[in-house]
Amino acid sequence: MNQEIKEALRDLVPIVLKELAYIAVLLCVAAFVFENVDFKLYSSVLQGLQVLASVVFAIVGLWIGSIYPTAITSIANDDVSYIIGTKDGESVERLVNTIMISAFVMLSTLAVYVIKMTLIGTGFYVNNIVWVKYLAVFYLYYICLLQVRCILTVISAEFIY
């Protein structure tokens, strides 16, 4: 295995462990609260999350396009040599990650609606209602956490004009 790949994997391990810790905590929280969750409000929370994710997606996209136009050109041309080695490289990387996570959150909210539409009324849903509700609460908490982290990344980012 290439040395660069080994280093990248070594750098990835703490990130994965931190994410697994978040998931473990949210699984525990969901286990304690899912029975008390009002699922009439679930769709409202999903809609709010979808709007929030789309706003963050749009604002950060415009921000990158206006502040780092050379970086956008480099990404579009599949040439990241400009970004690597510049002082802006880390900022651009964080902002692009924020866009990707917000896009994932938007797709996740859509997936929840499609899964709900597909499962409601089926024998699987009726027979596994407890597990379905538990997983629904956990997943909502998780995608909310992802979006909160995106917002905190944007807030903590340094403005360079």
C-alpha atoms as a PDB file:
ATOM      1  CA  MET A   1       0.000   0.000   0.000  1.00  0.00           C
ATOM      2  CA  ASN A   2       1.236   3.469  -0.905  1.00  0.00           C
ATOM      3  CA  GLN A   3       2.671   5.554   1.969  1.00  0.00           C
ATOM      4  CA  GLU A   4       0.313   8.471   1.203  1.00  0.00           C
ATOM      5  CA  ILE A   5      -2.679   6.149   1.452  1.00  0.00           C
ATOM      6  CA  LYS A   6      -1.432   4.803   4.780  1.00  0.00           C
ATOM      7  CA  GLU A   7      -1.067   8.340   6.127  1.00  0.00           C
ATOM      8  CA  ALA A   8      -4.516   9.298   4.866  1.00  0.00           C
ATOM      9  CA  LEU A   9      -6.048   6.240   6.536  1.00  0.00           C
ATOM     10  CA  ARG A  10      -4.181   6.992   9.752  1.00  0.00           C
ATOM     11  CA  ASP A  11      -5.571  10.547   9.681  1.00  0.00           C
ATOM     12  CA  LEU A  12      -9.054   9.180   9.024  1.00  0.00           C
ATOM     13  CA  VAL A  13      -9.173   6.889  12.068  1.00  0.00           C
ATOM     14  CA  PRO A  14      -9.761   9.643  14.688  1.00  0.00           C
ATOM     15  CA  ILE A  15     -12.468  11.181  12.515  1.00  0.00           C
ATOM     16  CA  VAL A  16     -14.278   7.857  12.171  1.00  0.00           C
ATOM     17  CA  LEU A  17     -13.958   7.157  15.904  1.00  0.00           C
ATOM     18  CA  LYS A  18     -15.406  10.578  16.741  1.00  0.00           C
ATOM     19  CA  GLU A  19     -18.311   9.982  14.346  1.00  0.00           C
ATOM     20  CA  LEU A  20     -18.963   6.558  15.882  1.00  0.00           C
ATOM     21  CA  ALA A  21     -19.006   8.179  19.328  1.00  0.00           C
ATOM     22  CA  TYR A  22     -21.631  10.675  18.124  1.00  0.00           C
ATOM     23  CA  ILE A  23     -23.687   7.815  16.701  1.00  0.00           C
ATOM     24  CA  ALA A  24     -23.429   5.799  19.932  1.00  0.00           C
ATOM     25  CA  VAL A  25     -24.574   8.768  22.025  1.00  0.00           C
ATOM     26  CA  LEU A  26     -27.480   9.507  19.678  1.00  0.00           C
ATOM     27  CA  LEU A  27     -28.534   5.843  19.655  1.00  0.00           C
ATOM     28  CA  CYS A  28     -28.696   5.964  23.462  1.00  0.00           C
ATOM     29  CA  VAL A  29     -30.599   9.256  23.509  1.00  0.00           C
ATOM     30  CA  ALA A  30     -33.058   7.970  20.908  1.00  0.00           C
ATOM     31  CA  ALA A  31     -33.618   4.818  22.968  1.00  0.00           C
ATOM     32  CA  PHE A  32     -34.727   6.912  25.940  1.00  0.00           C
ATOM     33  CA  VAL A  33     -36.942   9.417  24.133  1.00  0.00           C
ATOM     34  CA  PHE A  34     -38.434   7.799  21.020  1.00  0.00           C
ATOM     35  CA  GLU A  35     -41.601   6.648  22.797  1.00  0.00           C
ATOM     36  CA  ASN A  36     -42.349  10.223  23.867  1.00  0.00           C
ATOM     37  CA  VAL A  37     -41.734  11.839  20.465  1.00  0.00           C
ATOM     38  CA  ASP A  38     -44.795  13.377  18.826  1.00  0.00           C
ATOM     39  CA  PHE A  39     -44.544  12.125  15.255  1.00  0.00           C
ATOM     40  CA  LYS A  40     -46.998  14.782  14.094  1.00  0.00           C
ATOM     41  CA  LEU A  41     -44.134  17.244  14.595  1.00  0.00           C
ATOM     42  CA  TYR A  42     -41.579  14.973  12.904  1.00  0.00           C
ATOM     43  CA  SER A  43     -42.464  16.223   9.413  1.00  0.00           C
ATOM     44  CA  SER A  44     -42.240  19.836  10.563  1.00  0.00           C
ATOM     45  CA  VAL A  45     -38.753  19.258  11.912  1.00  0.00           C
ATOM     46  CA  LEU A  46     -37.761  17.527   8.661  1.00  0.00           C
ATOM     47  CA  GLN A  47     -39.097  20.441   6.608  1.00  0.00           C
ATOM     48  CA  GLY A  48     -37.218  22.948   8.734  1.00  0.00           C
ATOM     49  CA  LEU A  49     -34.058  20.894   8.445  1.00  0.00           C
ATOM     50  CA  GLN A  50     -34.455  20.681   4.678  1.00  0.00           C
ATOM     51  CA  VAL A  51     -34.847  24.456   4.383  1.00  0.00           C
ATOM     52  CA  LEU A  52     -31.894  25.086   6.681  1.00  0.00           C
ATOM     53  CA  ALA A  53     -29.675  22.672   4.742  1.00  0.00           C
ATOM     54  CA  SER A  54     -30.614  24.255   1.423  1.00  0.00           C
ATOM     55  CA  VAL A  55     -29.890  27.763   2.735  1.00  0.00           C
ATOM     56  CA  VAL A  56     -26.478  26.701   4.073  1.00  0.00           C
ATOM     57  CA  PHE A  57     -25.785  24.900   0.788  1.00  0.00           C
ATOM     58  CA  ALA A  58     -26.613  28.002  -1.264  1.00  0.00           C
ATOM     59  CA  ILE A  59     -24.857  30.543   0.952  1.00  0.00           C
ATOM     60  CA  VAL A  60     -21.645  28.548   1.268  1.00  0.00           C
ATOM     61  CA  GLY A  61     -21.657  27.831  -2.467  1.00  0.00           C
ATOM     62  CA  LEU A  62     -21.948  31.543  -3.228  1.00  0.00           C
ATOM     63  CA  TRP A  63     -19.325  32.305  -0.608  1.00  0.00           C
ATOM     64  CA  ILE A  64     -16.803  29.929  -2.151  1.00  0.00           C
ATOM     65  CA  GLY A  65     -17.599  31.226  -5.628  1.00  0.00           C
ATOM     66  CA  SER A  66     -17.061  34.845  -4.692  1.00  0.00           C
ATOM     67  CA  ILE A  67     -14.114  34.557  -2.302  1.00  0.00           C
ATOM     68  CA  TYR A  68     -12.213  31.704  -3.914  1.00  0.00           C
ATOM     69  CA  PRO A  69     -12.931  31.910  -7.683  1.00  0.00           C
ATOM     70  CA  THR A  70      -9.548  30.390  -8.570  1.00  0.00           C
ATOM     71  CA  ALA A  71     -10.301  27.440  -6.302  1.00  0.00           C
ATOM     72  CA  ILE A  72     -13.625  26.889  -8.086  1.00  0.00           C
ATOM     73  CA  THR A  73     -11.856  26.931 -11.450  1.00  0.00           C
ATOM     74  CA  SER A  74      -9.300  24.441 -10.141  1.00  0.00           C
ATOM     75  CA  ILE A  75     -12.007  22.108  -8.848  1.00  0.00           C
ATOM     76  CA  ALA A  76     -13.998  22.368 -12.089  1.00  0.00           C
ATOM     77  CA  ASN A  77     -10.895  21.555 -14.161  1.00  0.00           C
ATOM     78  CA  ASP A  78      -9.973  18.628 -11.893  1.00  0.00           C
ATOM     79  CA  ASP A  79      -6.724  20.382 -10.960  1.00  0.00           C
ATOM     80  CA  VAL A  80      -6.440  20.786  -7.215  1.00  0.00           C
ATOM     81  CA  SER A  81      -2.781  21.793  -7.376  1.00  0.00           C
ATOM     82  CA  TYR A  82      -3.781  25.433  -6.808  1.00  0.00           C
ATOM     83  CA  ILE A  83      -5.704  24.600  -3.653  1.00  0.00           C
ATOM     84  CA  ILE A  84      -3.081  22.279  -2.201  1.00  0.00           C
ATOM     85  CA  GLY A  85      -0.271  24.251  -0.694  1.00  0.00           C
ATOM     86  CA  THR A  86      -2.110  27.548  -0.375  1.00  0.00           C
ATOM     87  CA  LYS A  87      -3.205  29.179   2.825  1.00  0.00           C
ATOM     88  CA  ASP A  88      -6.773  29.021   1.516  1.00  0.00           C
ATOM     89  CA  GLY A  89      -6.651  25.265   0.966  1.00  0.00           C
ATOM     90  CA  GLU A  90      -7.934  24.285   4.390  1.00  0.00           C
ATOM     91  CA  SER A  91     -10.699  26.912   4.344  1.00  0.00           C
ATOM     92  CA  VAL A  92     -11.871  25.836   0.903  1.00  0.00           C
ATOM     93  CA  GLU A  93     -11.796  22.189   1.981  1.00  0.00           C
ATOM     94  CA  ARG A  94     -13.917  22.890   5.071  1.00  0.00           C
ATOM     95  CA  LEU A  95     -16.434  24.891   3.063  1.00  0.00           C
ATOM     96  CA  VAL A  96     -16.673  22.253   0.318  1.00  0.00           C
ATOM     97  CA  ASN A  97     -17.208  19.610   3.026  1.00  0.00           C
ATOM     98  CA  THR A  98     -19.967  21.802   4.451  1.00  0.00           C
ATOM     99  CA  ILE A  99     -21.657  21.917   1.054  1.00  0.00           C
ATOM    100  CA  MET A 100     -21.397  18.148   0.651  1.00  0.00           C
ATOM    101  CA  ILE A 101     -22.793  17.460   4.123  1.00  0.00           C
ATOM    102  CA  SER A 102     -25.665  19.907   3.581  1.00  0.00           C
ATOM    103  CA  ALA A 103     -26.437  18.176   0.286  1.00  0.00           C
ATOM    104  CA  PHE A 104     -26.430  14.836   2.125  1.00  0.00           C
ATOM    105  CA  VAL A 105     -28.841  16.244   4.718  1.00  0.00           C
ATOM    106  CA  MET A 106     -31.177  17.467   1.955  1.00  0.00           C
ATOM    107  CA  LEU A 107     -31.105  14.039   0.286  1.00  0.00           C
ATOM    108  CA  SER A 108     -31.644  12.364   3.655  1.00  0.00           C
ATOM    109  CA  THR A 109     -34.784  14.370   4.325  1.00  0.00           C
ATOM    110  CA  LEU A 110     -36.098  13.364   0.919  1.00  0.00           C
ATOM    111  CA  ALA A 111     -35.228   9.728   1.635  1.00  0.00           C
ATOM    112  CA  VAL A 112     -37.123   9.851   4.944  1.00  0.00           C
ATOM    113  CA  TYR A 113     -40.258  11.076   3.155  1.00  0.00           C
ATOM    114  CA  VAL A 114     -39.963   8.350   0.489  1.00  0.00           C
ATOM    115  CA  ILE A 115     -39.332   5.606   3.059  1.00  0.00           C
ATOM    116  CA  LYS A 116     -42.245   6.807   5.175  1.00  0.00           C
ATOM    117  CA  MET A 117     -44.543   6.859   2.151  1.00  0.00           C
ATOM    118  CA  THR A 118     -43.416   3.345   1.212  1.00  0.00           C
ATOM    119  CA  LEU A 119     -43.594   1.755   4.683  1.00  0.00           C
ATOM    120  CA  ILE A 120     -46.766   3.238   6.181  1.00  0.00           C
ATOM    121  CA  GLY A 121     -49.502   0.642   6.172  1.00  0.00           C
ATOM    122  CA  THR A 122     -47.292  -2.308   5.278  1.00  0.00           C
ATOM    123  CA  GLY A 123     -47.052  -5.434   7.387  1.00  0.00           C
ATOM    124  CA  PHE A 124     -43.385  -4.684   8.027  1.00  0.00           C
ATOM    125  CA  TYR A 125     -44.270  -1.278   9.495  1.00  0.00           C
ATOM    126  CA  VAL A 126     -47.057  -2.682  11.661  1.00  0.00           C
ATOM    127  CA  ASN A 127     -44.925  -5.574  12.929  1.00  0.00           C
ATOM    128  CA  ASN A 128     -41.847  -3.424  13.595  1.00  0.00           C
ATOM    129  CA  ILE A 129     -43.372  -0.088  14.621  1.00  0.00           C
ATOM    130  CA  VAL A 130     -41.149   0.211  17.704  1.00  0.00           C
ATOM    131  CA  TRP A 131     -37.934  -0.268  15.708  1.00  0.00           C
ATOM    132  CA  VAL A 132     -39.111   1.993  12.901  1.00  0.00           C
ATOM    133  CA  LYS A 133     -39.890   4.820  15.337  1.00  0.00           C
ATOM    134  CA  TYR A 134     -36.617   4.313  17.192  1.00  0.00           C
ATOM    135  CA  LEU A 135     -34.578   4.433  13.978  1.00  0.00           C
ATOM    136  CA  ALA A 136     -36.588   7.414  12.716  1.00  0.00           C
ATOM    137  CA  VAL A 137     -35.836   9.405  15.874  1.00  0.00           C
ATOM    138  CA  PHE A 138     -32.161   8.410  15.818  1.00  0.00           C
ATOM    139  CA  TYR A 139     -31.807   9.334  12.149  1.00  0.00           C
ATOM    140  CA  LEU A 140     -33.501  12.693  12.624  1.00  0.00           C
ATOM    141  CA  TYR A 141     -31.165  13.468  15.522  1.00  0.00           C
ATOM    142  CA  TYR A 142     -28.156  12.417  13.462  1.00  0.00           C
ATOM    143  CA  ILE A 143     -28.946  14.536  10.412  1.00  0.00           C
ATOM    144  CA  CYS A 144     -29.761  17.466  12.721  1.00  0.00           C
ATOM    145  CA  LEU A 145     -26.340  17.020  14.320  1.00  0.00           C
ATOM    146  CA  LEU A 146     -24.695  16.973  10.891  1.00  0.00           C
ATOM    147  CA  GLN A 147     -26.421  20.206   9.923  1.00  0.00           C
ATOM    148  CA  VAL A 148     -25.580  21.893  13.229  1.00  0.00           C
ATOM    149  CA  ARG A 149     -21.936  21.016  12.646  1.00  0.00           C
ATOM    150  CA  CYS A 150     -22.155  22.570   9.172  1.00  0.00           C
ATOM    151  CA  ILE A 151     -23.558  25.773  10.599  1.00  0.00           C
ATOM    152  CA  LEU A 152     -20.872  25.895  13.285  1.00  0.00           C
ATOM    153  CA  THR A 153     -18.221  25.387  10.594  1.00  0.00           C
ATOM    154  CA  VAL A 154     -19.584  28.344   8.653  1.00  0.00           C
ATOM    155  CA  ILE A 155     -19.758  30.494  11.777  1.00  0.00           C
ATOM    156  CA  SER A 156     -16.198  29.634  12.756  1.00  0.00           C
ATOM    157  CA  ALA A 157     -14.770  30.108   9.250  1.00  0.00           C
ATOM    158  CA  GLU A 158     -12.462  33.037   8.721  1.00  0.00           C
ATOM    159  CA  PHE A 159     -13.619  35.673   6.275  1.00  0.00           C
ATOM    160  CA  ILE A 160     -10.928  36.580   3.768  1.00  0.00           C
ATOM    161  CA  TYR A 161     -11.772  39.380   1.357  1.00  0.00           C
END
